[in-house]
Amino acid sequence: MLAYRDAKTMAKAMREALAARDLTISHSEALEIVARQFGLASWNILSAKNEAPLAATESIVFERIAPIVRIFDVAKAHEFYLGFLGFTIDWEHRYGEHFPLYTQVSRGGLFLHLSEHAGDATPGGSMVVYMKGIRDFHAELTGKNYRYMKPGLEHEDSRLTVEVTDPFNNHIRFMELSGA
């Protein structure tokens, strides 16, 4: 998740993306837009937040995680992660032709690294992904024509869970804390 301190990087990325579409805005205009995206009235207000010292508890910030998931077949991985779960490919890397794939897929704020490299991860791993909107997610998955899985929606204690298993026996538990 991006934070106030990423504002200049966000403004630069916005200017570059617009320039690729033959749209030009000044750096200061981009900074003002970014400030509004954070719900602030101006760049000056956002800049003041950026210059404020980090509190002792904020000196270490974990920005996001990207678990590495071992895969063996790119087509099956794409069918599951892109087609069934609705992720998109952010980037792909191979050291050369006929080398294993290492790629990042994402959906919303969830990032996964899928790897064909033998030493990166062990197949059959498990992860828990906390989320909101699990009922809609469950309906989306069960509405798809994925022939290998129709996951259930489990309600236990104060959580709702949808568990899926990829073609390589990696388990993902999508979980929403319901408070009920």
N, C-alpha and C. Protein backbone atom coordinates (compact mmCIF):
# COMPACT_ATOMS: atom_id res chain seq x y z
N MET A 1 0.85 -1.17 0.00
CA MET A 1 0.00 0.00 0.00
C MET A 1 0.89 1.23 0.00
N LEU A 2 0.55 2.17 -0.84
CA LEU A 2 1.33 3.39 -0.92
C LEU A 2 0.98 4.32 0.23
N ALA A 3 1.97 5.08 0.69
CA ALA A 3 1.79 5.99 1.82
C ALA A 3 2.19 7.39 1.40
N TYR A 4 1.97 8.34 2.31
CA TYR A 4 2.30 9.73 2.04
C TYR A 4 3.71 9.90 1.51
N ARG A 5 4.63 9.15 2.07
CA ARG A 5 6.04 9.30 1.70
C ARG A 5 6.32 8.85 0.27
N ASP A 6 5.37 8.19 -0.37
CA ASP A 6 5.52 7.76 -1.76
C ASP A 6 4.96 8.77 -2.75
N ALA A 7 4.54 9.93 -2.28
CA ALA A 7 3.81 10.89 -3.12
C ALA A 7 4.60 11.34 -4.34
N LYS A 8 5.88 11.65 -4.18
CA LYS A 8 6.67 12.12 -5.32
C LYS A 8 6.84 11.02 -6.36
N THR A 9 7.03 9.80 -5.89
CA THR A 9 7.14 8.66 -6.81
C THR A 9 5.82 8.47 -7.56
N MET A 10 4.70 8.61 -6.85
CA MET A 10 3.38 8.48 -7.48
C MET A 10 3.18 9.56 -8.53
N ALA A 11 3.59 10.80 -8.21
CA ALA A 11 3.43 11.90 -9.16
C ALA A 11 4.27 11.66 -10.41
N LYS A 12 5.49 11.18 -10.22
CA LYS A 12 6.35 10.89 -11.37
C LYS A 12 5.75 9.79 -12.23
N ALA A 13 5.25 8.72 -11.59
CA ALA A 13 4.64 7.62 -12.35
C ALA A 13 3.42 8.10 -13.12
N MET A 14 2.63 8.99 -12.50
CA MET A 14 1.44 9.51 -13.19
C MET A 14 1.85 10.33 -14.41
N ARG A 15 2.85 11.19 -14.26
CA ARG A 15 3.31 12.00 -15.39
C ARG A 15 3.82 11.13 -16.53
N GLU A 16 4.56 10.06 -16.19
CA GLU A 16 5.08 9.17 -17.22
C GLU A 16 3.96 8.42 -17.93
N ALA A 17 2.96 7.97 -17.16
CA ALA A 17 1.83 7.26 -17.77
C ALA A 17 1.03 8.17 -18.68
N LEU A 18 0.83 9.40 -18.25
CA LEU A 18 0.10 10.36 -19.09
C LEU A 18 0.92 10.73 -20.33
N ALA A 19 2.22 10.90 -20.17
CA ALA A 19 3.08 11.23 -21.31
C ALA A 19 3.03 10.13 -22.36
N ALA A 20 2.92 8.89 -21.92
CA ALA A 20 2.81 7.77 -22.87
C ALA A 20 1.53 7.85 -23.70
N ARG A 21 0.58 8.62 -23.19
CA ARG A 21 -0.69 8.82 -23.90
C ARG A 21 -0.76 10.22 -24.53
N ASP A 22 0.40 10.85 -24.66
CA ASP A 22 0.52 12.19 -25.22
C ASP A 22 -0.26 13.24 -24.44
N LEU A 23 -0.32 13.07 -23.12
CA LEU A 23 -0.92 14.06 -22.23
C LEU A 23 0.17 14.57 -21.32
N THR A 24 0.28 15.88 -21.19
CA THR A 24 1.34 16.45 -20.40
C THR A 24 0.77 17.29 -19.28
N ILE A 25 1.27 17.06 -18.07
CA ILE A 25 0.96 17.92 -16.93
C ILE A 25 2.27 18.24 -16.24
N SER A 26 2.29 19.36 -15.54
CA SER A 26 3.51 19.74 -14.83
C SER A 26 3.69 18.87 -13.59
N HIS A 27 4.90 18.88 -13.06
CA HIS A 27 5.18 18.12 -11.86
C HIS A 27 4.32 18.63 -10.70
N SER A 28 4.18 19.95 -10.61
CA SER A 28 3.38 20.51 -9.51
C SER A 28 1.91 20.12 -9.64
N GLU A 29 1.39 20.05 -10.88
CA GLU A 29 0.01 19.59 -11.07
C GLU A 29 -0.14 18.14 -10.62
N ALA A 30 0.84 17.33 -10.95
CA ALA A 30 0.80 15.93 -10.55
C ALA A 30 0.83 15.80 -9.02
N LEU A 31 1.65 16.61 -8.36
CA LEU A 31 1.71 16.57 -6.90
C LEU A 31 0.38 16.98 -6.28
N GLU A 32 -0.28 17.97 -6.85
CA GLU A 32 -1.59 18.41 -6.34
C GLU A 32 -2.62 17.29 -6.48
N ILE A 33 -2.59 16.58 -7.62
CA ILE A 33 -3.53 15.47 -7.84
C ILE A 33 -3.28 14.36 -6.83
N VAL A 34 -2.01 14.03 -6.60
CA VAL A 34 -1.67 12.99 -5.62
C VAL A 34 -2.16 13.39 -4.23
N ALA A 35 -1.99 14.65 -3.86
CA ALA A 35 -2.46 15.12 -2.55
C ALA A 35 -3.96 14.91 -2.43
N ARG A 36 -4.70 15.20 -3.49
CA ARG A 36 -6.16 14.99 -3.46
C ARG A 36 -6.50 13.51 -3.36
N GLN A 37 -5.68 12.63 -3.96
CA GLN A 37 -5.92 11.20 -3.85
C GLN A 37 -5.79 10.72 -2.42
N PHE A 38 -4.97 11.40 -1.63
CA PHE A 38 -4.84 11.08 -0.21
C PHE A 38 -5.88 11.80 0.63
N GLY A 39 -6.80 12.53 -0.04
CA GLY A 39 -7.87 13.22 0.68
C GLY A 39 -7.44 14.53 1.30
N LEU A 40 -6.36 15.11 0.81
CA LEU A 40 -5.86 16.37 1.34
C LEU A 40 -6.10 17.49 0.34
N ALA A 41 -6.20 18.70 0.82
CA ALA A 41 -6.57 19.83 -0.02
C ALA A 41 -5.46 20.28 -0.96
N SER A 42 -4.20 20.10 -0.56
CA SER A 42 -3.12 20.60 -1.41
C SER A 42 -1.82 19.84 -1.16
N TRP A 43 -0.86 20.07 -2.08
CA TRP A 43 0.45 19.48 -1.94
C TRP A 43 1.15 20.00 -0.69
N ASN A 44 0.92 21.26 -0.35
CA ASN A 44 1.57 21.83 0.84
C ASN A 44 1.21 21.05 2.10
N ILE A 45 -0.04 20.65 2.22
CA ILE A 45 -0.48 19.89 3.40
C ILE A 45 0.18 18.51 3.39
N LEU A 46 0.18 17.86 2.22
CA LEU A 46 0.81 16.54 2.12
C LEU A 46 2.31 16.63 2.37
N SER A 47 2.94 17.67 1.86
CA SER A 47 4.36 17.86 2.06
C SER A 47 4.70 18.02 3.54
N ALA A 48 3.85 18.72 4.27
CA ALA A 48 4.08 18.88 5.71
C ALA A 48 4.00 17.53 6.42
N LYS A 49 3.07 16.68 5.98
CA LYS A 49 2.98 15.34 6.57
C LYS A 49 4.25 14.54 6.27
N ASN A 50 4.77 14.70 5.05
CA ASN A 50 5.98 13.97 4.67
C ASN A 50 7.19 14.41 5.47
N GLU A 51 7.24 15.67 5.85
CA GLU A 51 8.40 16.19 6.57
C GLU A 51 8.33 15.92 8.06
N ALA A 52 7.15 15.52 8.55
CA ALA A 52 7.02 15.22 9.97
C ALA A 52 7.86 14.00 10.29
N PRO A 53 8.58 14.01 11.41
CA PRO A 53 9.40 12.85 11.76
C PRO A 53 8.54 11.63 12.05
N LEU A 54 9.07 10.47 11.76
CA LEU A 54 8.37 9.23 12.06
C LEU A 54 8.34 9.03 13.56
N ALA A 55 7.21 8.58 14.06
CA ALA A 55 7.13 8.22 15.47
C ALA A 55 7.99 6.98 15.69
N ALA A 56 8.39 6.75 16.92
CA ALA A 56 9.25 5.60 17.21
C ALA A 56 8.62 4.30 16.73
N THR A 57 7.30 4.18 16.85
CA THR A 57 6.63 2.95 16.43
C THR A 57 6.49 2.87 14.92
N GLU A 58 6.73 3.98 14.19
CA GLU A 58 6.61 3.99 12.74
C GLU A 58 7.96 3.89 12.04
N SER A 59 9.03 3.68 12.78
CA SER A 59 10.34 3.66 12.14
C SER A 59 10.54 2.42 11.29
N ILE A 60 9.82 1.37 11.57
CA ILE A 60 9.86 0.17 10.75
C ILE A 60 8.50 0.01 10.12
N VAL A 61 8.46 0.00 8.80
CA VAL A 61 7.19 -0.07 8.08
C VAL A 61 7.27 -1.21 7.08
N PHE A 62 6.39 -2.17 7.22
CA PHE A 62 6.29 -3.25 6.24
C PHE A 62 5.26 -2.79 5.21
N GLU A 63 5.67 -2.68 3.95
CA GLU A 63 4.80 -2.09 2.95
C GLU A 63 3.84 -3.09 2.31
N ARG A 64 4.31 -4.25 1.96
CA ARG A 64 3.43 -5.30 1.43
C ARG A 64 4.21 -6.60 1.41
N ILE A 65 3.48 -7.68 1.26
CA ILE A 65 4.14 -8.97 1.14
C ILE A 65 3.83 -9.56 -0.23
N ALA A 66 4.69 -10.41 -0.68
CA ALA A 66 4.47 -11.13 -1.93
C ALA A 66 4.99 -12.55 -1.73
N PRO A 67 4.15 -13.44 -1.21
CA PRO A 67 4.59 -14.83 -1.03
C PRO A 67 5.00 -15.45 -2.37
N ILE A 68 6.02 -16.29 -2.31
CA ILE A 68 6.45 -17.02 -3.50
C ILE A 68 5.72 -18.35 -3.51
N VAL A 69 5.08 -18.65 -4.63
CA VAL A 69 4.28 -19.87 -4.79
C VAL A 69 4.93 -20.69 -5.90
N ARG A 70 5.24 -21.95 -5.61
CA ARG A 70 5.89 -22.84 -6.58
C ARG A 70 4.87 -23.35 -7.58
N ILE A 71 5.20 -23.21 -8.87
CA ILE A 71 4.35 -23.72 -9.94
C ILE A 71 5.20 -24.62 -10.84
N PHE A 72 4.53 -25.47 -11.62
CA PHE A 72 5.24 -26.38 -12.53
C PHE A 72 4.81 -26.23 -13.98
N ASP A 73 3.68 -25.59 -14.21
CA ASP A 73 3.11 -25.50 -15.55
C ASP A 73 2.49 -24.12 -15.70
N VAL A 74 3.05 -23.30 -16.58
CA VAL A 74 2.60 -21.92 -16.73
C VAL A 74 1.14 -21.86 -17.20
N ALA A 75 0.76 -22.70 -18.15
CA ALA A 75 -0.62 -22.67 -18.64
C ALA A 75 -1.61 -22.99 -17.53
N LYS A 76 -1.33 -24.00 -16.73
CA LYS A 76 -2.23 -24.34 -15.61
C LYS A 76 -2.24 -23.24 -14.56
N ALA A 77 -1.07 -22.63 -14.30
CA ALA A 77 -1.01 -21.52 -13.35
C ALA A 77 -1.84 -20.34 -13.84
N HIS A 78 -1.75 -20.02 -15.13
CA HIS A 78 -2.54 -18.93 -15.69
C HIS A 78 -4.03 -19.24 -15.62
N GLU A 79 -4.39 -20.48 -15.94
CA GLU A 79 -5.80 -20.86 -15.87
C GLU A 79 -6.35 -20.65 -14.46
N PHE A 80 -5.57 -21.01 -13.45
CA PHE A 80 -6.03 -20.91 -12.07
C PHE A 80 -5.96 -19.47 -11.56
N TYR A 81 -4.77 -18.87 -11.60
CA TYR A 81 -4.58 -17.57 -10.97
C TYR A 81 -5.21 -16.42 -11.78
N LEU A 82 -5.12 -16.48 -13.09
CA LEU A 82 -5.69 -15.41 -13.92
C LEU A 82 -7.16 -15.68 -14.23
N GLY A 83 -7.45 -16.86 -14.76
CA GLY A 83 -8.80 -17.17 -15.18
C GLY A 83 -9.77 -17.37 -14.03
N PHE A 84 -9.37 -18.18 -13.04
CA PHE A 84 -10.28 -18.52 -11.93
C PHE A 84 -10.27 -17.46 -10.84
N LEU A 85 -9.09 -17.10 -10.32
CA LEU A 85 -9.03 -16.16 -9.20
C LEU A 85 -9.09 -14.69 -9.64
N GLY A 86 -8.89 -14.41 -10.91
CA GLY A 86 -9.03 -13.04 -11.41
C GLY A 86 -7.83 -12.14 -11.22
N PHE A 87 -6.64 -12.72 -11.05
CA PHE A 87 -5.42 -11.93 -10.94
C PHE A 87 -5.01 -11.43 -12.33
N THR A 88 -4.11 -10.46 -12.36
CA THR A 88 -3.50 -10.02 -13.61
C THR A 88 -1.99 -10.14 -13.47
N ILE A 89 -1.32 -10.26 -14.61
CA ILE A 89 0.13 -10.35 -14.62
C ILE A 89 0.70 -8.94 -14.51
N ASP A 90 1.58 -8.72 -13.53
CA ASP A 90 2.26 -7.43 -13.39
C ASP A 90 3.56 -7.42 -14.18
N TRP A 91 4.30 -8.50 -14.10
CA TRP A 91 5.54 -8.63 -14.85
C TRP A 91 5.96 -10.11 -14.87
N GLU A 92 6.80 -10.43 -15.84
CA GLU A 92 7.34 -11.79 -15.97
C GLU A 92 8.85 -11.69 -16.19
N HIS A 93 9.59 -12.67 -15.69
CA HIS A 93 11.03 -12.68 -15.89
C HIS A 93 11.53 -14.10 -16.14
N ARG A 94 12.41 -14.22 -17.10
CA ARG A 94 13.16 -15.45 -17.36
C ARG A 94 14.60 -15.02 -17.62
N TYR A 95 15.55 -15.82 -17.18
CA TYR A 95 16.95 -15.49 -17.41
C TYR A 95 17.33 -15.67 -18.88
N GLY A 96 16.55 -16.38 -19.64
CA GLY A 96 16.80 -16.60 -21.05
C GLY A 96 15.74 -17.53 -21.60
N GLU A 97 15.84 -17.78 -22.89
CA GLU A 97 14.89 -18.68 -23.53
C GLU A 97 15.02 -20.07 -22.92
N HIS A 98 13.91 -20.72 -22.70
CA HIS A 98 13.87 -22.07 -22.12
C HIS A 98 14.32 -22.10 -20.66
N PHE A 99 14.18 -20.98 -19.95
CA PHE A 99 14.48 -20.93 -18.52
C PHE A 99 13.17 -20.86 -17.74
N PRO A 100 13.19 -21.20 -16.46
CA PRO A 100 11.97 -21.14 -15.65
C PRO A 100 11.42 -19.72 -15.55
N LEU A 101 10.11 -19.66 -15.38
CA LEU A 101 9.40 -18.38 -15.25
C LEU A 101 9.38 -17.94 -13.79
N TYR A 102 9.54 -16.65 -13.58
CA TYR A 102 9.30 -16.00 -12.29
C TYR A 102 8.43 -14.80 -12.60
N THR A 103 7.24 -14.73 -12.02
CA THR A 103 6.29 -13.69 -12.39
C THR A 103 5.54 -13.17 -11.17
N GLN A 104 5.07 -11.95 -11.28
CA GLN A 104 4.20 -11.40 -10.23
C GLN A 104 2.80 -11.26 -10.78
N VAL A 105 1.83 -11.76 -10.01
CA VAL A 105 0.42 -11.57 -10.33
C VAL A 105 -0.21 -10.82 -9.16
N SER A 106 -1.26 -10.07 -9.45
CA SER A 106 -1.89 -9.32 -8.37
C SER A 106 -3.38 -9.14 -8.64
N ARG A 107 -4.05 -8.87 -7.53
CA ARG A 107 -5.46 -8.49 -7.59
C ARG A 107 -5.71 -7.64 -6.35
N GLY A 108 -6.19 -6.42 -6.57
CA GLY A 108 -6.37 -5.51 -5.45
C GLY A 108 -5.04 -5.30 -4.77
N GLY A 109 -4.98 -5.46 -3.48
CA GLY A 109 -3.74 -5.29 -2.75
C GLY A 109 -2.98 -6.58 -2.52
N LEU A 110 -3.39 -7.66 -3.16
CA LEU A 110 -2.72 -8.95 -2.98
C LEU A 110 -1.74 -9.21 -4.12
N PHE A 111 -0.49 -9.46 -3.76
CA PHE A 111 0.57 -9.74 -4.73
C PHE A 111 1.13 -11.12 -4.45
N LEU A 112 1.28 -11.92 -5.50
CA LEU A 112 1.90 -13.24 -5.38
C LEU A 112 3.00 -13.35 -6.42
N HIS A 113 4.09 -13.99 -6.04
CA HIS A 113 5.14 -14.32 -6.99
C HIS A 113 5.01 -15.80 -7.30
N LEU A 114 4.83 -16.11 -8.57
CA LEU A 114 4.74 -17.50 -9.02
C LEU A 114 6.08 -17.87 -9.63
N SER A 115 6.62 -19.00 -9.22
CA SER A 115 7.96 -19.36 -9.67
C SER A 115 8.05 -20.82 -10.09
N GLU A 116 8.69 -21.03 -11.25
CA GLU A 116 9.03 -22.37 -11.69
C GLU A 116 10.41 -22.80 -11.18
N HIS A 117 11.12 -21.90 -10.51
CA HIS A 117 12.46 -22.20 -10.00
C HIS A 117 12.36 -23.16 -8.82
N ALA A 118 13.10 -24.25 -8.88
CA ALA A 118 13.02 -25.31 -7.88
C ALA A 118 13.36 -24.82 -6.47
N GLY A 119 14.28 -23.91 -6.30
CA GLY A 119 14.70 -23.51 -4.97
C GLY A 119 13.89 -22.38 -4.34
N ASP A 120 12.91 -21.85 -5.03
CA ASP A 120 12.20 -20.68 -4.53
C ASP A 120 11.15 -21.00 -3.48
N ALA A 121 10.47 -22.08 -3.61
CA ALA A 121 9.40 -22.43 -2.67
C ALA A 121 9.13 -23.92 -2.77
N THR A 122 8.42 -24.42 -1.78
CA THR A 122 8.06 -25.83 -1.77
C THR A 122 6.60 -25.97 -2.15
N PRO A 123 6.28 -26.83 -3.09
CA PRO A 123 4.87 -27.02 -3.43
C PRO A 123 4.11 -27.56 -2.23
N GLY A 124 2.84 -27.24 -2.17
CA GLY A 124 2.01 -27.70 -1.07
C GLY A 124 1.99 -26.73 0.10
N GLY A 125 2.43 -25.50 -0.12
CA GLY A 125 2.41 -24.49 0.94
C GLY A 125 1.00 -23.99 1.20
N SER A 126 0.88 -23.24 2.29
CA SER A 126 -0.41 -22.66 2.67
C SER A 126 -0.22 -21.20 3.01
N MET A 127 -1.24 -20.41 2.75
CA MET A 127 -1.24 -19.01 3.16
C MET A 127 -2.65 -18.59 3.51
N VAL A 128 -2.75 -17.58 4.36
CA VAL A 128 -4.03 -16.99 4.71
C VAL A 128 -4.03 -15.56 4.18
N VAL A 129 -5.10 -15.19 3.50
CA VAL A 129 -5.26 -13.84 2.96
C VAL A 129 -6.49 -13.23 3.61
N TYR A 130 -6.29 -12.21 4.45
CA TYR A 130 -7.42 -11.51 5.06
C TYR A 130 -7.98 -10.53 4.06
N MET A 131 -9.29 -10.45 4.00
CA MET A 131 -9.94 -9.63 2.98
C MET A 131 -11.28 -9.13 3.46
N LYS A 132 -11.88 -8.26 2.66
CA LYS A 132 -13.26 -7.81 2.82
C LYS A 132 -14.01 -8.21 1.55
N GLY A 133 -15.31 -8.43 1.67
CA GLY A 133 -16.12 -8.77 0.50
C GLY A 133 -16.05 -10.24 0.12
N ILE A 134 -15.87 -11.10 1.10
CA ILE A 134 -15.66 -12.52 0.81
C ILE A 134 -16.91 -13.17 0.20
N ARG A 135 -18.09 -12.71 0.59
CA ARG A 135 -19.31 -13.30 -0.01
C ARG A 135 -19.37 -13.02 -1.51
N ASP A 136 -19.03 -11.79 -1.91
CA ASP A 136 -19.01 -11.47 -3.33
C ASP A 136 -17.92 -12.25 -4.05
N PHE A 137 -16.76 -12.40 -3.41
CA PHE A 137 -15.67 -13.16 -3.98
C PHE A 137 -16.08 -14.63 -4.17
N HIS A 138 -16.74 -15.19 -3.17
CA HIS A 138 -17.22 -16.57 -3.26
C HIS A 138 -18.21 -16.72 -4.41
N ALA A 139 -19.14 -15.78 -4.51
CA ALA A 139 -20.13 -15.84 -5.61
C ALA A 139 -19.43 -15.74 -6.97
N GLU A 140 -18.41 -14.90 -7.06
CA GLU A 140 -17.65 -14.76 -8.31
C GLU A 140 -16.98 -16.09 -8.68
N LEU A 141 -16.33 -16.71 -7.71
CA LEU A 141 -15.62 -17.96 -7.99
C LEU A 141 -16.58 -19.09 -8.35
N THR A 142 -17.67 -19.22 -7.60
CA THR A 142 -18.60 -20.32 -7.90
C THR A 142 -19.34 -20.09 -9.21
N GLY A 143 -19.41 -18.84 -9.65
CA GLY A 143 -20.05 -18.54 -10.93
C GLY A 143 -19.17 -18.81 -12.14
N LYS A 144 -17.91 -19.07 -11.91
CA LYS A 144 -16.99 -19.33 -13.02
C LYS A 144 -17.06 -20.80 -13.42
N ASN A 145 -16.67 -21.04 -14.62
CA ASN A 145 -16.72 -22.39 -15.16
C ASN A 145 -15.37 -23.10 -14.98
N TYR A 146 -14.80 -23.00 -13.80
CA TYR A 146 -13.53 -23.66 -13.52
C TYR A 146 -13.84 -25.09 -13.12
N ARG A 147 -13.48 -26.04 -13.96
CA ARG A 147 -13.94 -27.41 -13.79
C ARG A 147 -13.29 -28.16 -12.64
N TYR A 148 -12.21 -27.62 -12.07
CA TYR A 148 -11.50 -28.35 -11.04
C TYR A 148 -11.90 -27.99 -9.62
N MET A 149 -12.72 -26.94 -9.46
CA MET A 149 -13.02 -26.52 -8.10
C MET A 149 -14.25 -25.61 -8.04
N LYS A 150 -15.08 -25.88 -7.07
CA LYS A 150 -16.20 -25.01 -6.69
C LYS A 150 -16.10 -24.85 -5.18
N PRO A 151 -15.33 -23.85 -4.71
CA PRO A 151 -15.08 -23.74 -3.27
C PRO A 151 -16.33 -23.36 -2.49
N GLY A 152 -16.38 -23.81 -1.26
CA GLY A 152 -17.48 -23.46 -0.37
C GLY A 152 -17.15 -22.20 0.42
N LEU A 153 -18.16 -21.71 1.12
CA LEU A 153 -17.99 -20.59 2.03
C LEU A 153 -18.24 -21.12 3.42
N GLU A 154 -17.21 -21.20 4.22
CA GLU A 154 -17.31 -21.75 5.58
C GLU A 154 -17.45 -20.63 6.59
N HIS A 155 -18.35 -20.82 7.54
CA HIS A 155 -18.53 -19.84 8.62
C HIS A 155 -18.19 -20.55 9.92
N GLU A 156 -17.11 -20.08 10.56
CA GLU A 156 -16.69 -20.70 11.81
C GLU A 156 -16.30 -19.59 12.78
N ASP A 157 -16.87 -19.66 13.96
CA ASP A 157 -16.65 -18.63 14.98
C ASP A 157 -16.93 -17.25 14.37
N SER A 158 -15.94 -16.39 14.34
CA SER A 158 -16.16 -15.03 13.84
C SER A 158 -15.45 -14.80 12.51
N ARG A 159 -15.38 -15.83 11.69
CA ARG A 159 -14.72 -15.65 10.39
C ARG A 159 -15.43 -16.43 9.30
N LEU A 160 -15.34 -15.88 8.10
CA LEU A 160 -15.82 -16.54 6.89
C LEU A 160 -14.58 -16.92 6.09
N THR A 161 -14.58 -18.13 5.53
CA THR A 161 -13.41 -18.62 4.83
C THR A 161 -13.79 -19.26 3.50
N VAL A 162 -13.03 -18.93 2.47
CA VAL A 162 -13.09 -19.61 1.18
C VAL A 162 -11.70 -20.17 0.95
N GLU A 163 -11.60 -21.49 0.84
CA GLU A 163 -10.29 -22.11 0.64
C GLU A 163 -10.20 -22.69 -0.76
N VAL A 164 -9.08 -22.39 -1.41
CA VAL A 164 -8.82 -22.92 -2.75
C VAL A 164 -7.46 -23.61 -2.74
N THR A 165 -7.30 -24.54 -3.66
CA THR A 165 -6.03 -25.25 -3.84
C THR A 165 -5.67 -25.15 -5.31
N ASP A 166 -4.46 -24.66 -5.58
CA ASP A 166 -4.04 -24.51 -6.97
C ASP A 166 -3.62 -25.86 -7.55
N PRO A 167 -3.35 -25.94 -8.84
CA PRO A 167 -2.99 -27.21 -9.47
C PRO A 167 -1.69 -27.82 -8.94
N PHE A 168 -0.95 -27.09 -8.10
CA PHE A 168 0.34 -27.55 -7.60
C PHE A 168 0.26 -27.84 -6.10
N ASN A 169 -0.97 -27.96 -5.60
CA ASN A 169 -1.28 -28.29 -4.21
C ASN A 169 -0.92 -27.18 -3.21
N ASN A 170 -0.86 -25.94 -3.68
CA ASN A 170 -0.69 -24.79 -2.80
C ASN A 170 -2.07 -24.34 -2.33
N HIS A 171 -2.23 -24.12 -1.04
CA HIS A 171 -3.53 -23.78 -0.46
C HIS A 171 -3.58 -22.29 -0.11
N ILE A 172 -4.70 -21.66 -0.48
CA ILE A 172 -4.92 -20.26 -0.12
C ILE A 172 -6.25 -20.20 0.62
N ARG A 173 -6.21 -19.71 1.86
CA ARG A 173 -7.42 -19.48 2.64
C ARG A 173 -7.72 -18.00 2.63
N PHE A 174 -8.78 -17.62 1.92
CA PHE A 174 -9.25 -16.25 1.92
C PHE A 174 -10.17 -16.13 3.14
N MET A 175 -9.91 -15.15 3.99
CA MET A 175 -10.62 -15.10 5.27
C MET A 175 -11.09 -13.68 5.56
N GLU A 176 -12.35 -13.59 5.98
CA GLU A 176 -12.89 -12.31 6.42
C GLU A 176 -13.36 -12.47 7.86
N LEU A 177 -12.90 -11.60 8.72
CA LEU A 177 -13.35 -11.62 10.10
C LEU A 177 -14.73 -10.96 10.14
N SER A 178 -15.73 -11.73 10.58
CA SER A 178 -17.11 -11.24 10.51
C SER A 178 -17.58 -10.57 11.77
N GLY A 179 -16.92 -10.79 12.89
CA GLY A 179 -17.33 -10.18 14.14
C GLY A 179 -18.60 -10.77 14.70
N ALA A 180 -19.10 -11.85 14.11
CA ALA A 180 -20.34 -12.47 14.60
C ALA A 180 -20.07 -13.79 15.27
